[in-house]
Amino acid sequence: MGNNPRLALIKMIQGGLLFAFGVLMIMVSNQVLNDSISQELIALIGLIIAGAGVLWTAVGYLSMSVLRLYNMINKKD
């Protein structure tokens, strides 16, 4: 993926949206649902989704960074 910065940027944006969705699930479960095991399970699922979003974003960001470093090193002036 280091050869395609557009794909890395798309992956980074997707990860950010996935993170936002996970955080939204946590907030909604806290505000809307009564204290119960279902509230905790929905919050746990939201936490897992948010964590996956952070990892997805990190992969996209690192791919863009590695591509930039690679291009700087191999730049022929």
N, C-alpha and C. Protein backbone atom coordinates (compact mmCIF):
# COMPACT_ATOMS: atom_id res chain seq x y z
N MET A 1 0.82 -1.19 0.00
CA MET A 1 0.00 0.00 0.00
C MET A 1 0.86 1.25 0.00
N GLY A 2 2.16 1.10 0.22
CA GLY A 2 3.05 2.24 0.23
C GLY A 2 3.19 2.90 -1.12
N ASN A 3 2.85 2.21 -2.18
CA ASN A 3 2.97 2.78 -3.51
C ASN A 3 1.75 3.60 -3.92
N ASN A 4 0.70 3.56 -3.12
CA ASN A 4 -0.54 4.24 -3.47
C ASN A 4 -0.98 5.14 -2.32
N PRO A 5 -0.59 6.43 -2.34
CA PRO A 5 -0.97 7.31 -1.23
C PRO A 5 -2.47 7.56 -1.14
N ARG A 6 -3.16 7.48 -2.26
CA ARG A 6 -4.60 7.69 -2.24
C ARG A 6 -5.30 6.59 -1.45
N LEU A 7 -4.86 5.35 -1.64
CA LEU A 7 -5.42 4.23 -0.90
C LEU A 7 -5.12 4.36 0.59
N ALA A 8 -3.93 4.82 0.93
CA ALA A 8 -3.57 5.02 2.34
C ALA A 8 -4.44 6.11 2.97
N LEU A 9 -4.71 7.18 2.23
CA LEU A 9 -5.56 8.25 2.74
C LEU A 9 -6.99 7.76 2.93
N ILE A 10 -7.48 6.99 1.99
CA ILE A 10 -8.83 6.43 2.12
C ILE A 10 -8.91 5.52 3.34
N LYS A 11 -7.89 4.71 3.55
CA LYS A 11 -7.87 3.83 4.71
C LYS A 11 -7.84 4.65 6.01
N MET A 12 -7.12 5.73 6.01
CA MET A 12 -7.05 6.59 7.19
C MET A 12 -8.41 7.23 7.48
N ILE A 13 -9.09 7.69 6.47
CA ILE A 13 -10.41 8.29 6.64
C ILE A 13 -11.42 7.25 7.11
N GLN A 14 -11.36 6.05 6.54
CA GLN A 14 -12.26 4.98 6.96
C GLN A 14 -12.05 4.64 8.43
N GLY A 15 -10.81 4.61 8.87
CA GLY A 15 -10.52 4.32 10.26
C GLY A 15 -11.06 5.40 11.19
N GLY A 16 -10.95 6.65 10.76
CA GLY A 16 -11.51 7.75 11.55
C GLY A 16 -13.02 7.66 11.67
N LEU A 17 -13.67 7.30 10.59
CA LEU A 17 -15.13 7.14 10.63
C LEU A 17 -15.53 5.95 11.49
N LEU A 18 -14.77 4.87 11.42
CA LEU A 18 -15.04 3.70 12.25
C LEU A 18 -14.87 4.04 13.73
N PHE A 19 -13.84 4.80 14.05
CA PHE A 19 -13.63 5.26 15.42
C PHE A 19 -14.80 6.12 15.89
N ALA A 20 -15.22 7.04 15.06
CA ALA A 20 -16.34 7.92 15.43
C ALA A 20 -17.62 7.12 15.66
N PHE A 21 -17.85 6.10 14.85
CA PHE A 21 -19.03 5.26 15.02
C PHE A 21 -18.97 4.49 16.34
N GLY A 22 -17.79 3.98 16.68
CA GLY A 22 -17.63 3.27 17.95
C GLY A 22 -17.87 4.18 19.15
N VAL A 23 -17.33 5.37 19.09
CA VAL A 23 -17.53 6.33 20.19
C VAL A 23 -19.00 6.73 20.27
N LEU A 24 -19.66 6.88 19.13
CA LEU A 24 -21.08 7.21 19.11
C LEU A 24 -21.90 6.09 19.75
N MET A 25 -21.53 4.84 19.48
CA MET A 25 -22.22 3.71 20.12
C MET A 25 -22.08 3.77 21.63
N ILE A 26 -20.90 4.08 22.10
CA ILE A 26 -20.67 4.17 23.55
C ILE A 26 -21.51 5.29 24.15
N MET A 27 -21.53 6.43 23.50
CA MET A 27 -22.29 7.57 24.03
C MET A 27 -23.79 7.29 24.03
N VAL A 28 -24.28 6.69 22.96
CA VAL A 28 -25.71 6.40 22.88
C VAL A 28 -26.11 5.36 23.92
N SER A 29 -25.27 4.33 24.11
CA SER A 29 -25.61 3.32 25.12
C SER A 29 -25.61 3.93 26.52
N ASN A 30 -24.79 4.91 26.75
CA ASN A 30 -24.75 5.56 28.06
C ASN A 30 -25.96 6.47 28.28
N GLN A 31 -26.40 7.16 27.25
CA GLN A 31 -27.47 8.14 27.39
C GLN A 31 -28.87 7.53 27.25
N VAL A 32 -29.04 6.56 26.36
CA VAL A 32 -30.38 6.09 26.01
C VAL A 32 -30.80 4.88 26.85
N LEU A 33 -29.91 3.94 27.03
CA LEU A 33 -30.27 2.69 27.69
C LEU A 33 -30.19 2.80 29.21
N ASN A 34 -31.03 2.04 29.87
CA ASN A 34 -30.97 1.96 31.33
C ASN A 34 -29.79 1.09 31.73
N ASP A 35 -29.40 1.20 32.99
CA ASP A 35 -28.30 0.39 33.49
C ASP A 35 -28.68 -1.08 33.43
N SER A 36 -27.98 -1.82 32.58
CA SER A 36 -28.24 -3.24 32.42
C SER A 36 -27.04 -3.88 31.74
N ILE A 37 -27.12 -5.18 31.61
CA ILE A 37 -26.04 -5.91 30.95
C ILE A 37 -26.02 -5.61 29.45
N SER A 38 -27.18 -5.33 28.87
CA SER A 38 -27.22 -5.01 27.44
C SER A 38 -26.52 -3.68 27.16
N GLN A 39 -26.66 -2.73 28.08
CA GLN A 39 -25.96 -1.45 27.94
C GLN A 39 -24.45 -1.68 27.95
N GLU A 40 -24.00 -2.51 28.86
CA GLU A 40 -22.57 -2.79 28.94
C GLU A 40 -22.06 -3.53 27.71
N LEU A 41 -22.86 -4.44 27.19
CA LEU A 41 -22.44 -5.19 25.99
C LEU A 41 -22.37 -4.28 24.77
N ILE A 42 -23.33 -3.39 24.63
CA ILE A 42 -23.30 -2.45 23.50
C ILE A 42 -22.11 -1.50 23.63
N ALA A 43 -21.83 -1.06 24.85
CA ALA A 43 -20.66 -0.20 25.07
C ALA A 43 -19.36 -0.96 24.77
N LEU A 44 -19.31 -2.24 25.12
CA LEU A 44 -18.13 -3.05 24.83
C LEU A 44 -17.94 -3.22 23.33
N ILE A 45 -19.03 -3.46 22.61
CA ILE A 45 -18.94 -3.57 21.15
C ILE A 45 -18.48 -2.24 20.55
N GLY A 46 -18.99 -1.13 21.08
CA GLY A 46 -18.55 0.19 20.62
C GLY A 46 -17.07 0.41 20.89
N LEU A 47 -16.59 -0.05 22.04
CA LEU A 47 -15.18 0.08 22.37
C LEU A 47 -14.31 -0.74 21.42
N ILE A 48 -14.77 -1.94 21.09
CA ILE A 48 -14.02 -2.78 20.15
C ILE A 48 -13.98 -2.14 18.76
N ILE A 49 -15.11 -1.59 18.33
CA ILE A 49 -15.17 -0.92 17.03
C ILE A 49 -14.27 0.31 17.02
N ALA A 50 -14.30 1.09 18.10
CA ALA A 50 -13.43 2.27 18.18
C ALA A 50 -11.96 1.88 18.16
N GLY A 51 -11.61 0.81 18.85
CA GLY A 51 -10.23 0.33 18.83
C GLY A 51 -9.80 -0.13 17.45
N ALA A 52 -10.71 -0.81 16.75
CA ALA A 52 -10.40 -1.23 15.38
C ALA A 52 -10.23 -0.02 14.47
N GLY A 53 -11.02 1.02 14.70
CA GLY A 53 -10.88 2.25 13.93
C GLY A 53 -9.54 2.92 14.16
N VAL A 54 -9.07 2.91 15.40
CA VAL A 54 -7.76 3.50 15.70
C VAL A 54 -6.67 2.71 14.99
N LEU A 55 -6.75 1.39 15.03
CA LEU A 55 -5.74 0.57 14.34
C LEU A 55 -5.78 0.79 12.83
N TRP A 56 -6.98 0.86 12.27
CA TRP A 56 -7.14 1.07 10.83
C TRP A 56 -6.55 2.42 10.42
N THR A 57 -6.80 3.45 11.22
CA THR A 57 -6.25 4.77 10.95
C THR A 57 -4.73 4.77 11.06
N ALA A 58 -4.21 4.07 12.06
CA ALA A 58 -2.76 4.00 12.24
C ALA A 58 -2.09 3.32 11.05
N VAL A 59 -2.70 2.29 10.52
CA VAL A 59 -2.12 1.61 9.35
C VAL A 59 -2.08 2.57 8.16
N GLY A 60 -3.16 3.29 7.94
CA GLY A 60 -3.18 4.25 6.84
C GLY A 60 -2.17 5.37 7.02
N TYR A 61 -2.06 5.88 8.23
CA TYR A 61 -1.11 6.96 8.50
C TYR A 61 0.33 6.49 8.35
N LEU A 62 0.63 5.31 8.89
CA LEU A 62 1.99 4.79 8.77
C LEU A 62 2.34 4.49 7.32
N SER A 63 1.37 4.03 6.55
CA SER A 63 1.64 3.79 5.13
C SER A 63 1.99 5.08 4.41
N MET A 64 1.29 6.16 4.75
CA MET A 64 1.60 7.44 4.13
C MET A 64 2.97 7.94 4.58
N SER A 65 3.30 7.75 5.84
CA SER A 65 4.59 8.20 6.36
C SER A 65 5.74 7.42 5.75
N VAL A 66 5.57 6.11 5.67
CA VAL A 66 6.61 5.27 5.09
C VAL A 66 6.81 5.62 3.62
N LEU A 67 5.71 5.88 2.91
CA LEU A 67 5.82 6.27 1.51
C LEU A 67 6.59 7.58 1.37
N ARG A 68 6.31 8.54 2.24
CA ARG A 68 7.01 9.83 2.18
C ARG A 68 8.50 9.65 2.44
N LEU A 69 8.84 8.86 3.46
CA LEU A 69 10.25 8.61 3.76
C LEU A 69 10.94 7.87 2.62
N TYR A 70 10.26 6.91 2.06
CA TYR A 70 10.83 6.15 0.93
C TYR A 70 11.10 7.07 -0.25
N ASN A 71 10.16 7.96 -0.54
CA ASN A 71 10.36 8.87 -1.66
C ASN A 71 11.48 9.88 -1.38
N MET A 72 11.63 10.32 -0.13
CA MET A 72 12.70 11.24 0.20
C MET A 72 14.07 10.57 0.08
N ILE A 73 14.16 9.32 0.48
CA ILE A 73 15.42 8.62 0.42
C ILE A 73 15.82 8.30 -1.02
N ASN A 74 14.86 7.91 -1.83
CA ASN A 74 15.15 7.52 -3.20
C ASN A 74 15.03 8.65 -4.21
N LYS A 75 14.85 9.87 -3.74
CA LYS A 75 14.74 11.00 -4.64
C LYS A 75 16.09 11.27 -5.29
N LYS A 76 16.08 11.35 -6.59
CA LYS A 76 17.32 11.56 -7.33
C LYS A 76 17.34 12.99 -7.85
N ASP A 77 18.21 13.78 -7.29
CA ASP A 77 18.33 15.18 -7.70
C ASP A 77 19.49 15.34 -8.67
